[in-house]
């Protein structure tokens, strides 16, 4: 019998179309980029960007500081970066994320303004301020104008001479030398803090990915092929720019423009925050109640780990609203008085009670970190942390990642010791010049500043930033040490003491790692920034 006819083969089914991923369903993580190789971000494009900000935007920064005591904020950084991205696209070039990150690092250093001095424009801005300060009415009223050393600023009409005058040479020499020593200490000690907190302790640094995402988003924009497709980061960056512009218009532009044109500041949003302390002082004495409407703080809360946000909210509500009235009734907050706003209440409460609490908290963070390090080193074996299964290997502290651009471990140690030693001898020479032997400022105070407190303070802040994205500080350490030393000369108050906090360098290196930028790019950028800032600052001031 003939075979039954076979059914014709079924036509191959078309692959099921995948639904297009919406903006809200897009998944991205900066950790997905960590398989990429490290690349150098210091190129000729970075050099051109540095020249642009130094010789084009720096005069505007100086003008803003002189006129209103403010700078352009991060606007100068992003305006320069976006300008270079657009120029590159129109020149059929692409900018890598490493180049954009180093460009942002360079621009942010050149456009920096000192908050206390409220002047921008580099090194010579500080010298202008010092010259004004020594010849001010306040210095003459307190009788310290003639006791202030000449390496701080010239006195009288000499201060109004140009910086090429010999009277300014000692000031320039001391300022430049102290800045070089400070920068060497920052780079070396900051790298050591990064190795401990990031490579060994494996802390997450929750805010570092947010800062790195900007460079990555612009790099993706630079590589846009014109097909209309946008990445998730580009959408986020664009939405953030628009939201920030609208918020800045309501928060800053309206009050400034209204004050300029009608002589009365119209604040649509309270600046700096909505203060409700006096309204509730009858029921909550010494309680601090304020609502910040700053969009930046609100968005920061979205990117911090939720446990940290809940902890910060809980402790703030507990202490500022619940316990402060109890402490006031117990007599622990004697400095508070009815009618004080949130800022005045916070200052008085800090001086009465919370200053000591802050010192204890900082010491607790330091001791816990030291305990963890010592425990791991003594056992000298890999351990699993209680949370997250993070492997703790003490060898990661001195292990060198050549691809990342790590120097040998002994190099930052030697640089830190040498720079700190030079700092100590410089300060000793400046402070004790002409002081009799029995009245000299003990060099051991300077040694303790450089080799004890500065590394401790740096590690505390690097660890806090790695855990919660926050920084802390123990106030009046310098002032307390000066008073305890019973040193009488006023020169101690103007000397560049070797006491600082370099914990922020750990954040910077973590951001550099996330953008897959070699650490040597930062060093090259510093070698470019320092002389360029000196020259540009000298020209425009």
Protein backbone atom coordinates (compact mmCIF):
# COMPACT_ATOMS: atom_id res chain seq x y z
CA UNK A 1 0.00 0.00 0.00
CA UNK A 2 1.27 3.46 -0.77
CA UNK A 3 2.41 5.48 2.15
CA UNK A 4 -0.04 7.99 3.49
CA UNK A 5 0.80 11.51 2.44
CA UNK A 6 2.80 13.26 5.03
CA UNK A 7 1.76 16.58 6.41
CA UNK A 8 3.79 19.43 5.00
CA UNK A 9 6.42 20.65 7.39
CA UNK A 10 5.24 23.45 9.58
CA UNK A 11 6.56 26.83 8.69
CA UNK A 12 9.13 28.02 11.16
CA UNK A 13 7.47 30.20 13.71
CA UNK A 14 8.66 33.74 13.88
CA UNK A 15 10.51 34.60 17.03
CA UNK A 16 8.26 36.18 19.56
CA UNK A 17 8.84 39.88 19.59
CA UNK A 18 10.18 41.11 22.87
CA UNK A 19 8.33 44.02 24.32
CA UNK A 20 10.35 47.17 24.14
CA UNK A 21 11.87 48.02 27.46
CA UNK A 22 10.31 51.12 28.86
CA UNK A 23 12.22 53.90 30.54
CA UNK A 24 10.91 52.84 33.94
CA UNK A 25 11.78 49.16 33.42
CA UNK A 26 15.33 49.86 32.28
CA UNK A 27 17.96 48.13 34.34
CA UNK A 28 21.38 49.55 34.76
CA UNK A 29 24.12 49.30 37.28
CA UNK A 30 27.52 50.85 37.35
CA UNK A 31 28.80 47.51 38.61
CA UNK A 32 28.09 46.10 35.14
CA UNK A 33 30.95 48.25 33.84
CA UNK A 34 33.49 46.84 36.25
CA UNK A 35 34.59 44.12 33.84
CA UNK A 36 35.96 46.74 31.46
CA UNK A 37 39.69 47.44 31.47
CA UNK A 38 41.14 50.52 33.12
CA UNK A 39 42.13 53.31 30.77
CA UNK A 40 43.94 56.60 31.12
CA UNK A 41 41.73 59.65 31.24
CA UNK A 42 44.49 62.23 30.86
CA UNK A 43 44.65 63.19 27.17
CA UNK A 44 45.10 66.33 25.11
CA UNK A 45 41.34 66.92 25.41
CA UNK A 46 41.74 67.17 29.17
CA UNK A 47 44.58 69.64 28.75
CA UNK A 48 42.46 71.82 26.44
CA UNK A 49 39.61 71.74 28.95
CA UNK A 50 41.94 72.81 31.74
CA UNK A 51 43.19 75.75 29.67
CA UNK A 52 39.61 76.75 28.88
CA UNK A 53 38.51 76.88 32.51
CA UNK A 54 41.75 78.54 33.67
CA UNK A 55 41.85 81.34 31.13
CA UNK A 56 38.19 81.76 30.12
CA UNK A 57 35.98 80.88 33.09
CA UNK A 58 38.33 81.78 35.94
CA UNK A 59 37.78 85.55 35.48
CA UNK A 60 34.04 84.97 35.83
CA UNK A 61 34.59 82.97 38.99
CA UNK A 62 36.69 85.80 40.44
CA UNK A 63 34.00 88.33 39.50
CA UNK A 64 31.26 86.27 41.17
CA UNK A 65 33.30 86.01 44.34
CA UNK A 66 33.99 89.74 44.46
CA UNK A 67 30.44 90.81 43.65
CA UNK A 68 28.20 88.45 45.62
CA UNK A 69 30.54 86.18 47.55
CA UNK A 70 29.47 83.10 45.60
CA UNK A 71 30.82 81.04 42.77
CA UNK A 72 29.12 79.28 39.90
CA UNK A 73 28.90 76.10 41.91
CA UNK A 74 29.04 72.95 39.83
CA UNK A 75 27.67 74.92 36.87
CA UNK A 76 31.19 75.80 35.75
CA UNK A 77 32.12 72.12 35.83
CA UNK A 78 29.18 70.83 33.83
CA UNK A 79 29.03 73.75 31.39
CA UNK A 80 32.62 73.04 30.39
CA UNK A 81 32.07 69.31 30.13
CA UNK A 82 28.85 69.59 28.12
CA UNK A 83 30.52 72.13 25.83
CA UNK A 84 33.35 69.72 25.11
CA UNK A 85 30.94 66.84 24.57
CA UNK A 86 28.98 68.82 21.98
CA UNK A 87 32.14 70.04 20.26
CA UNK A 88 33.39 66.47 20.08
CA UNK A 89 30.12 65.21 18.58
CA UNK A 90 30.20 67.87 15.89
CA UNK A 91 33.81 67.02 15.15
CA UNK A 92 32.91 63.32 14.75
CA UNK A 93 34.88 62.46 17.87
CA UNK A 94 33.92 60.59 20.98
CA UNK A 95 34.95 61.29 24.55
CA UNK A 96 35.49 58.32 26.79
CA UNK A 97 34.11 58.30 30.32
CA UNK A 98 37.66 58.29 31.65
CA UNK A 99 38.44 61.52 29.80
CA UNK A 100 35.22 63.16 30.98
CA UNK A 101 35.84 62.18 34.58
CA UNK A 102 39.38 63.57 34.60
CA UNK A 103 38.10 66.68 32.84
CA UNK A 104 35.50 67.14 35.57
CA UNK A 105 38.16 66.58 38.22
CA UNK A 106 40.38 69.20 36.61
CA UNK A 107 37.59 71.71 36.15
CA UNK A 108 36.32 71.33 39.72
CA UNK A 109 39.79 72.09 41.09
CA UNK A 110 40.29 75.14 38.91
CA UNK A 111 36.84 76.55 39.69
CA UNK A 112 37.06 76.00 43.43
CA UNK A 113 36.13 78.84 45.75
CA UNK A 114 36.87 79.04 49.45
CA UNK A 115 33.68 79.19 51.47
CA UNK A 116 35.26 81.02 54.39
CA UNK A 117 37.02 83.58 52.23
CA UNK A 118 34.19 83.74 49.65
CA UNK A 119 36.74 84.35 46.92
CA UNK A 120 37.61 82.29 43.90
CA UNK A 121 40.59 82.39 41.64
CA UNK A 122 43.21 80.13 43.11
CA UNK A 123 46.19 80.77 45.34
CA UNK A 124 46.39 84.53 45.04
CA UNK A 125 42.79 84.97 46.15
CA UNK A 126 43.90 83.87 49.61
CA UNK A 127 46.78 86.33 49.54
CA UNK A 128 44.43 89.19 48.67
CA UNK A 129 42.20 88.22 51.57
CA UNK A 130 45.15 87.90 53.96
CA UNK A 131 46.37 91.35 52.95
CA UNK A 132 42.94 92.81 53.64
CA UNK A 133 42.69 90.94 56.94
CA UNK A 134 45.98 92.14 58.41
CA UNK A 135 45.22 95.76 57.52
CA UNK A 136 41.58 95.59 58.60
CA UNK A 137 40.07 97.61 61.41
CA UNK A 138 39.44 94.43 63.37
CA UNK A 139 43.14 93.51 63.49
CA UNK A 140 44.08 97.04 64.53
CA UNK A 141 41.35 97.11 67.19
CA UNK A 142 42.67 93.94 68.80
CA UNK A 143 46.25 95.15 68.53
CA UNK A 144 47.50 92.19 66.51
CA UNK A 145 48.15 93.91 63.18
CA UNK A 146 51.77 94.67 64.08
CA UNK A 147 52.28 91.25 65.73
CA UNK A 148 51.12 89.32 62.67
CA UNK A 149 54.14 87.83 60.85
CA UNK A 150 55.15 89.21 57.47
CA UNK A 151 54.95 85.75 55.89
CA UNK A 152 51.17 85.99 56.36
CA UNK A 153 50.71 89.36 54.59
CA UNK A 154 52.49 92.74 54.33
CA UNK A 155 51.42 95.59 56.60
CA UNK A 156 50.25 99.05 55.59
CA UNK A 157 50.66 100.48 52.11
CA UNK A 158 53.04 97.66 51.20
CA UNK A 159 50.06 95.33 50.96
CA UNK A 160 48.69 97.31 48.00
CA UNK A 161 51.75 96.70 45.85
CA UNK A 162 51.65 94.10 43.09
CA UNK A 163 52.55 90.48 43.72
CA UNK A 164 55.83 91.04 41.89
CA UNK A 165 56.97 93.30 44.74
CA UNK A 166 59.61 91.77 47.05
CA UNK A 167 57.33 92.33 50.08
CA UNK A 168 55.03 89.59 48.76
CA UNK A 169 57.76 87.04 48.02
CA UNK A 170 57.88 85.49 51.53
CA UNK A 171 54.09 85.22 51.52
CA UNK A 172 54.03 83.53 48.12
CA UNK A 173 56.88 81.21 49.07
CA UNK A 174 55.20 80.03 52.29
CA UNK A 175 51.81 79.63 50.61
CA UNK A 176 53.11 77.63 47.65
CA UNK A 177 55.35 75.41 49.78
CA UNK A 178 52.56 74.63 52.25
CA UNK A 179 50.19 73.84 49.37
CA UNK A 180 52.69 71.43 47.82
CA UNK A 181 53.20 69.63 51.14
CA UNK A 182 49.45 69.54 51.75
CA UNK A 183 48.78 68.09 48.30
CA UNK A 184 51.43 65.39 48.74
CA UNK A 185 49.92 64.48 52.10
CA UNK A 186 46.43 64.42 50.64
CA UNK A 187 47.33 62.12 47.75
CA UNK A 188 49.39 59.69 49.84
CA UNK A 189 47.31 59.53 53.02
CA UNK A 190 44.06 59.58 51.04
CA UNK A 191 45.26 56.60 48.98
CA UNK A 192 46.13 54.66 52.15
CA UNK A 193 42.67 55.40 53.58
CA UNK A 194 41.12 54.20 50.33
CA UNK A 195 43.10 50.95 50.40
CA UNK A 196 41.87 50.24 53.92
CA UNK A 197 38.22 51.20 53.51
CA UNK A 198 37.61 50.03 49.94
CA UNK A 199 40.05 47.23 49.15
CA UNK A 200 40.20 45.70 52.64
CA UNK A 201 36.95 46.56 54.42
CA UNK A 202 34.93 46.46 51.17
CA UNK A 203 32.78 49.42 52.20
CA UNK A 204 30.11 50.34 49.61
CA UNK A 205 30.63 54.15 49.33
CA UNK A 206 26.93 54.74 48.48
CA UNK A 207 27.37 58.21 46.94
CA UNK A 208 30.37 57.39 44.76
CA UNK A 209 28.32 55.68 41.99
CA UNK A 210 26.05 58.72 41.76
CA UNK A 211 28.98 61.06 41.13
CA UNK A 212 30.48 58.67 38.60
CA UNK A 213 27.21 58.25 36.68
CA UNK A 214 27.39 61.82 35.35
CA UNK A 215 30.61 61.18 33.45
CA UNK A 216 29.27 57.85 32.17
CA UNK A 217 26.01 59.43 30.95
CA UNK A 218 27.85 62.16 29.06
CA UNK A 219 30.24 59.61 27.58
CA UNK A 220 27.26 57.68 26.25
CA UNK A 221 25.86 60.92 24.86
CA UNK A 222 29.19 61.59 23.16
CA UNK A 223 28.94 58.19 21.47
CA UNK A 224 25.38 58.84 20.25
CA UNK A 225 25.11 57.63 16.65
CA UNK A 226 22.10 59.76 15.80
CA UNK A 227 19.60 56.84 15.67
CA UNK A 228 17.41 58.45 18.31
CA UNK A 229 18.05 55.76 20.90
CA UNK A 230 18.86 57.05 24.34
CA UNK A 231 20.29 55.12 27.23
CA UNK A 232 18.82 55.09 30.69
CA UNK A 233 21.66 57.25 32.01
CA UNK A 234 21.04 59.86 29.33
CA UNK A 235 17.38 60.05 30.31
CA UNK A 236 18.33 60.38 33.97
CA UNK A 237 20.89 63.06 33.23
CA UNK A 238 18.45 65.06 31.08
CA UNK A 239 15.66 64.80 33.64
CA UNK A 240 18.06 65.85 36.37
CA UNK A 241 19.23 68.89 34.40
CA UNK A 242 15.65 70.05 33.77
CA UNK A 243 14.58 69.41 37.36
CA UNK A 244 17.64 71.21 38.71
CA UNK A 245 17.06 74.16 36.39
CA UNK A 246 13.43 74.56 37.45
CA UNK A 247 14.32 74.21 41.11
CA UNK A 248 17.18 76.70 40.79
CA UNK A 249 14.84 79.16 39.09
CA UNK A 250 12.40 79.00 42.00
CA UNK A 251 14.93 78.65 44.80
CA UNK A 252 17.67 81.08 43.72
CA UNK A 253 16.80 83.10 40.63
CA UNK A 254 13.48 84.54 41.84
CA UNK A 255 14.87 85.87 45.17
CA UNK A 256 18.01 87.29 43.53
CA UNK A 257 16.22 88.94 40.61
CA UNK A 258 13.44 90.34 42.78
CA UNK A 259 16.00 91.83 45.16
CA UNK A 260 17.81 93.37 42.20
CA UNK A 261 14.83 94.92 40.42
CA UNK A 262 12.27 95.73 43.13
CA UNK A 263 14.52 95.92 46.20
CA UNK A 264 12.67 93.13 48.02
CA UNK A 265 13.54 89.45 48.01
CA UNK A 266 10.60 87.22 47.09
CA UNK A 267 11.24 83.71 48.38
CA UNK A 268 8.91 81.13 46.90
CA UNK A 269 10.76 78.49 48.90
CA UNK A 270 12.20 79.34 52.33
CA UNK A 271 15.98 79.81 52.34
CA UNK A 272 17.77 77.85 53.75
CA UNK A 273 14.81 75.91 55.23
CA UNK A 274 11.37 76.31 56.78
CA UNK A 275 12.04 77.10 60.45
CA UNK A 276 9.24 76.01 62.80
CA UNK A 277 11.28 76.02 66.01
CA UNK A 278 9.78 79.14 67.56
CA UNK A 279 6.23 78.02 66.72
CA UNK A 280 6.64 74.85 68.78
CA UNK A 281 8.99 76.07 71.51
CA UNK A 282 6.14 76.25 74.03
CA UNK A 283 5.61 72.50 73.84
CA UNK A 284 9.08 71.44 72.71
CA UNK A 285 11.66 73.66 74.46
CA UNK A 286 15.14 73.31 72.90
CA UNK A 287 13.63 71.18 70.15
CA UNK A 288 14.94 71.89 66.66
CA UNK A 289 12.24 71.73 63.99
CA UNK A 290 13.07 72.65 60.42
CA UNK A 291 11.96 71.36 57.04
CA UNK A 292 14.46 71.64 54.22
CA UNK A 293 13.00 72.10 50.75
CA UNK A 294 16.35 71.64 49.01
CA UNK A 295 15.90 69.27 46.09
CA UNK A 296 19.49 68.07 46.35
CA UNK A 297 18.99 66.78 49.90
CA UNK A 298 15.75 65.08 48.87
CA UNK A 299 17.40 63.25 45.98
CA UNK A 300 20.35 62.27 48.17
CA UNK A 301 17.92 60.40 50.38
CA UNK A 302 16.84 58.29 47.40
CA UNK A 303 20.35 57.03 46.68
CA UNK A 304 21.50 56.34 50.24
CA UNK A 305 20.91 52.81 51.58
CA UNK A 306 17.44 52.63 53.11
CA UNK A 307 18.75 51.45 56.47
CA UNK A 308 20.89 54.58 56.74
CA UNK A 309 17.95 56.83 55.79
CA UNK A 310 15.71 55.18 58.37
CA UNK A 311 18.44 55.39 61.00
CA UNK A 312 19.11 59.07 60.31
CA UNK A 313 15.39 59.91 60.38
CA UNK A 314 14.77 57.94 63.57
CA UNK A 315 17.70 59.37 65.50
CA UNK A 316 16.95 62.91 64.31
CA UNK A 317 13.33 62.74 65.41
CA UNK A 318 14.28 61.06 68.68
CA UNK A 319 16.96 63.54 69.72
CA UNK A 320 15.84 66.81 68.15
CA UNK A 321 12.15 66.58 69.01
CA UNK A 322 11.72 64.04 71.83
CA UNK A 323 14.88 64.11 73.93
CA UNK A 324 15.94 67.75 73.59
CA UNK A 325 12.96 69.01 75.64
CA UNK A 326 13.74 66.35 78.24
CA UNK A 327 17.40 67.37 78.36
CA UNK A 328 16.39 71.02 78.67
CA UNK A 329 14.18 70.29 81.67
CA UNK A 330 17.03 68.29 83.21
CA UNK A 331 19.34 71.31 82.88
CA UNK A 332 21.63 69.75 80.29
CA UNK A 333 20.91 72.49 77.72
CA UNK A 334 21.30 75.74 79.70
CA UNK A 335 22.22 77.81 76.66
CA UNK A 336 18.78 77.61 75.10
CA UNK A 337 16.34 80.50 75.54
CA UNK A 338 12.86 81.16 74.11
CA UNK A 339 12.85 82.97 70.80
CA UNK A 340 15.87 81.19 69.32
CA UNK A 341 15.46 79.80 65.83
CA UNK A 342 16.65 76.45 64.56
CA UNK A 343 20.22 77.55 63.82
CA UNK A 344 20.70 79.35 67.15
CA UNK A 345 19.13 76.42 69.01
CA UNK A 346 21.34 73.92 67.21
CA UNK A 347 24.49 75.92 67.99
CA UNK A 348 23.67 76.29 71.69
CA UNK A 349 22.67 72.62 72.01
CA UNK A 350 25.88 71.55 70.30
CA UNK A 351 28.06 73.59 72.65
CA UNK A 352 26.12 72.42 75.71
CA UNK A 353 25.85 68.70 74.98
CA UNK A 354 26.24 67.38 71.46
CA UNK A 355 29.84 68.46 70.96
CA UNK A 356 30.96 65.78 73.41
CA UNK A 357 28.53 63.30 71.85
CA UNK A 358 30.02 63.95 68.41
CA UNK A 359 33.54 63.43 69.70
CA UNK A 360 32.50 60.13 71.26
CA UNK A 361 30.79 59.01 68.06
CA UNK A 362 33.86 59.79 65.96
CA UNK A 363 36.09 57.90 68.36
CA UNK A 364 33.69 54.94 68.33
CA UNK A 365 33.81 54.79 64.53
CA UNK A 366 37.61 54.89 64.65
CA UNK A 367 37.93 52.24 67.36
CA UNK A 368 35.51 49.89 65.63
CA UNK A 369 37.45 50.21 62.40
CA UNK A 370 40.79 49.62 64.12
CA UNK A 371 39.34 46.63 65.96
CA UNK A 372 38.19 45.07 62.69
CA UNK A 373 41.57 45.63 61.03
CA UNK A 374 43.58 44.27 63.95
CA UNK A 375 41.30 41.27 64.28
CA UNK A 376 41.71 40.39 60.61
CA UNK A 377 45.46 40.97 60.54
CA UNK A 378 46.13 38.94 63.68
CA UNK A 379 44.13 35.98 62.44
CA UNK A 380 45.73 36.44 58.98
CA UNK A 381 43.16 34.41 57.16
CA UNK A 382 40.18 35.21 55.06
CA UNK A 383 37.04 35.83 57.02
CA UNK A 384 33.48 36.39 56.04
CA UNK A 385 31.85 39.48 57.41
CA UNK A 386 28.56 39.07 59.21
CA UNK A 387 26.65 41.12 56.63
CA UNK A 388 26.84 40.42 52.93
CA UNK A 389 29.49 37.71 53.01
CA UNK A 390 32.28 40.14 52.21
CA UNK A 391 35.71 38.55 52.23
CA UNK A 392 38.23 40.34 54.43
CA UNK A 393 41.79 39.71 53.33
CA UNK A 394 44.50 41.79 55.07
CA UNK A 395 46.82 41.37 52.09
CA UNK A 396 44.49 43.60 50.06
CA UNK A 397 45.88 46.58 51.96
CA UNK A 398 49.36 46.25 50.45
CA UNK A 399 48.42 44.26 47.33
CA UNK A 400 49.12 46.26 44.18
CA UNK A 401 46.66 46.45 41.29
CA UNK A 402 48.93 47.40 38.40
CA UNK A 403 46.11 47.68 35.87
CA UNK A 404 44.32 50.19 38.09
CA UNK A 405 47.49 52.23 38.40
CA UNK A 406 48.26 51.53 42.05
CA UNK A 407 51.75 52.56 43.14
CA UNK A 408 53.79 50.18 45.30
CA UNK A 409 52.46 50.31 48.86
CA UNK A 410 55.68 51.72 50.26
CA UNK A 411 55.55 54.77 47.94
CA UNK A 412 52.53 56.54 49.53
CA UNK A 413 53.83 55.63 52.98
CA UNK A 414 57.21 57.23 52.29
CA UNK A 415 55.62 60.26 50.60
CA UNK A 416 53.27 60.79 53.54
CA UNK A 417 56.07 60.54 56.10
CA UNK A 418 58.35 62.85 54.09
CA UNK A 419 55.64 65.44 53.38
CA UNK A 420 54.43 65.43 56.98
CA UNK A 421 57.98 65.80 58.25
CA UNK A 422 58.56 68.72 55.91
CA UNK A 423 55.28 70.24 57.06
CA UNK A 424 56.39 69.95 60.69
CA UNK A 425 59.74 71.65 60.13
CA UNK A 426 58.13 74.40 58.04
CA UNK A 427 55.60 75.19 60.76
CA UNK A 428 58.23 75.01 63.48
CA UNK A 429 60.38 77.49 61.57
CA UNK A 430 57.47 79.87 61.00
CA UNK A 431 55.98 79.71 64.48
CA UNK A 432 59.11 79.77 66.63
CA UNK A 433 61.12 82.32 64.66
CA UNK A 434 62.48 84.83 67.17
CA UNK A 435 60.82 83.13 70.16
CA UNK A 436 63.04 82.45 73.22
CA UNK A 437 63.81 78.81 73.97
CA UNK A 438 61.64 78.59 77.07
CA UNK A 439 58.58 79.98 75.30
CA UNK A 440 58.71 78.04 72.03
CA UNK A 441 55.78 76.05 70.70
CA UNK A 442 56.62 72.40 71.31
CA UNK A 443 57.37 70.49 68.14
CA UNK A 444 55.62 67.49 69.67
CA UNK A 445 52.29 69.22 69.15
CA UNK A 446 53.09 69.42 65.44
CA UNK A 447 54.18 65.77 65.41
CA UNK A 448 50.90 64.73 67.03
CA UNK A 449 48.96 66.78 64.49
CA UNK A 450 50.73 65.26 61.50
CA UNK A 451 51.23 61.64 62.57
CA UNK A 452 48.39 61.07 65.03
CA UNK A 453 45.31 63.23 64.60
CA UNK A 454 45.38 63.78 60.82
CA UNK A 455 45.51 60.04 59.93
CA UNK A 456 42.88 59.25 62.57
CA UNK A 457 40.57 61.99 61.33
CA UNK A 458 41.15 60.94 57.74
CA UNK A 459 40.30 57.32 58.46
CA UNK A 460 37.19 58.24 60.47
CA UNK A 461 35.79 60.32 57.62
CA UNK A 462 36.77 57.83 54.93
CA UNK A 463 35.03 55.06 56.85
CA UNK A 464 31.90 57.12 57.49
CA UNK A 465 31.76 58.06 53.83
CA UNK A 466 32.21 54.43 52.85
CA UNK A 467 29.35 53.35 55.10
CA UNK A 468 26.83 56.19 54.91
CA UNK A 469 28.15 58.76 52.45
CA UNK A 470 28.55 61.24 55.30
CA UNK A 471 31.43 63.16 56.84
CA UNK A 472 32.05 64.33 60.37
CA UNK A 473 34.51 66.47 62.23
CA UNK A 474 35.64 67.14 65.76
CA UNK A 475 35.58 70.93 66.17
CA UNK A 476 38.06 73.10 68.03
CA UNK A 477 40.87 70.53 67.99
CA UNK A 478 43.40 73.09 66.76
CA UNK A 479 42.13 75.80 69.09
CA UNK A 480 42.13 73.47 72.08
CA UNK A 481 45.69 72.33 71.40
CA UNK A 482 46.89 75.93 71.10
CA UNK A 483 45.27 76.89 74.39
CA UNK A 484 46.67 73.81 76.13
CA UNK A 485 50.16 74.61 74.86
CA UNK A 486 49.98 78.09 76.49
CA UNK A 487 51.87 79.52 73.54
CA UNK A 488 51.63 83.33 73.57
CA UNK A 489 52.72 84.43 70.10
CA UNK A 490 49.96 85.20 67.57
CA UNK A 491 51.97 83.56 64.77
CA UNK A 492 50.52 80.17 65.71
CA UNK A 493 47.06 81.30 64.56
CA UNK A 494 48.26 82.04 61.03
CA UNK A 495 50.65 79.14 60.48
CA UNK A 496 49.68 76.33 58.05
CA UNK A 497 49.44 73.65 60.73
CA UNK A 498 49.72 70.00 59.57
CA UNK A 499 46.20 69.14 60.70
CA UNK A 500 43.57 68.25 58.11
CA UNK A 501 40.97 65.75 56.99
CA UNK A 502 41.76 63.91 53.75
CA UNK A 503 38.94 61.36 54.00
CA UNK A 504 37.27 62.78 50.91
CA UNK A 505 40.17 61.43 48.84
CA UNK A 506 38.84 57.91 49.43
CA UNK A 507 35.53 58.92 47.80
CA UNK A 508 37.40 60.39 44.85
CA UNK A 509 39.47 57.25 44.29
CA UNK A 510 36.36 55.10 44.55
CA UNK A 511 34.69 57.21 41.85
CA UNK A 512 37.84 56.89 39.76
CA UNK A 513 37.71 53.13 40.12
CA UNK A 514 34.03 52.97 39.15
CA UNK A 515 34.68 54.92 35.94
CA UNK A 516 37.55 52.52 35.17
CA UNK A 517 40.08 55.34 35.15
CA UNK A 518 43.68 54.66 36.00
CA UNK A 519 44.86 56.34 39.19
CA UNK A 520 47.91 57.67 37.40
CA UNK A 521 45.54 59.97 35.48
CA UNK A 522 44.80 61.82 38.72
CA UNK A 523 48.49 62.33 39.36
CA UNK A 524 49.03 63.69 35.85
CA UNK A 525 46.04 66.00 36.27
CA UNK A 526 47.47 67.33 39.54
CA UNK A 527 50.80 68.02 37.84
CA UNK A 528 48.90 70.06 35.25
CA UNK A 529 46.49 71.82 37.62
CA UNK A 530 48.93 73.17 40.17
CA UNK A 531 51.24 75.24 37.91
CA UNK A 532 48.36 76.27 35.65
CA UNK A 533 46.34 77.56 38.60
CA UNK A 534 49.35 79.47 39.90
CA UNK A 535 49.89 81.19 36.55
CA UNK A 536 46.22 81.96 35.88
CA UNK A 537 45.62 83.16 39.43
CA UNK A 538 48.66 85.45 39.24
CA UNK A 539 47.56 86.91 35.89
CA UNK A 540 43.95 87.67 36.81
CA UNK A 541 44.58 88.86 40.37
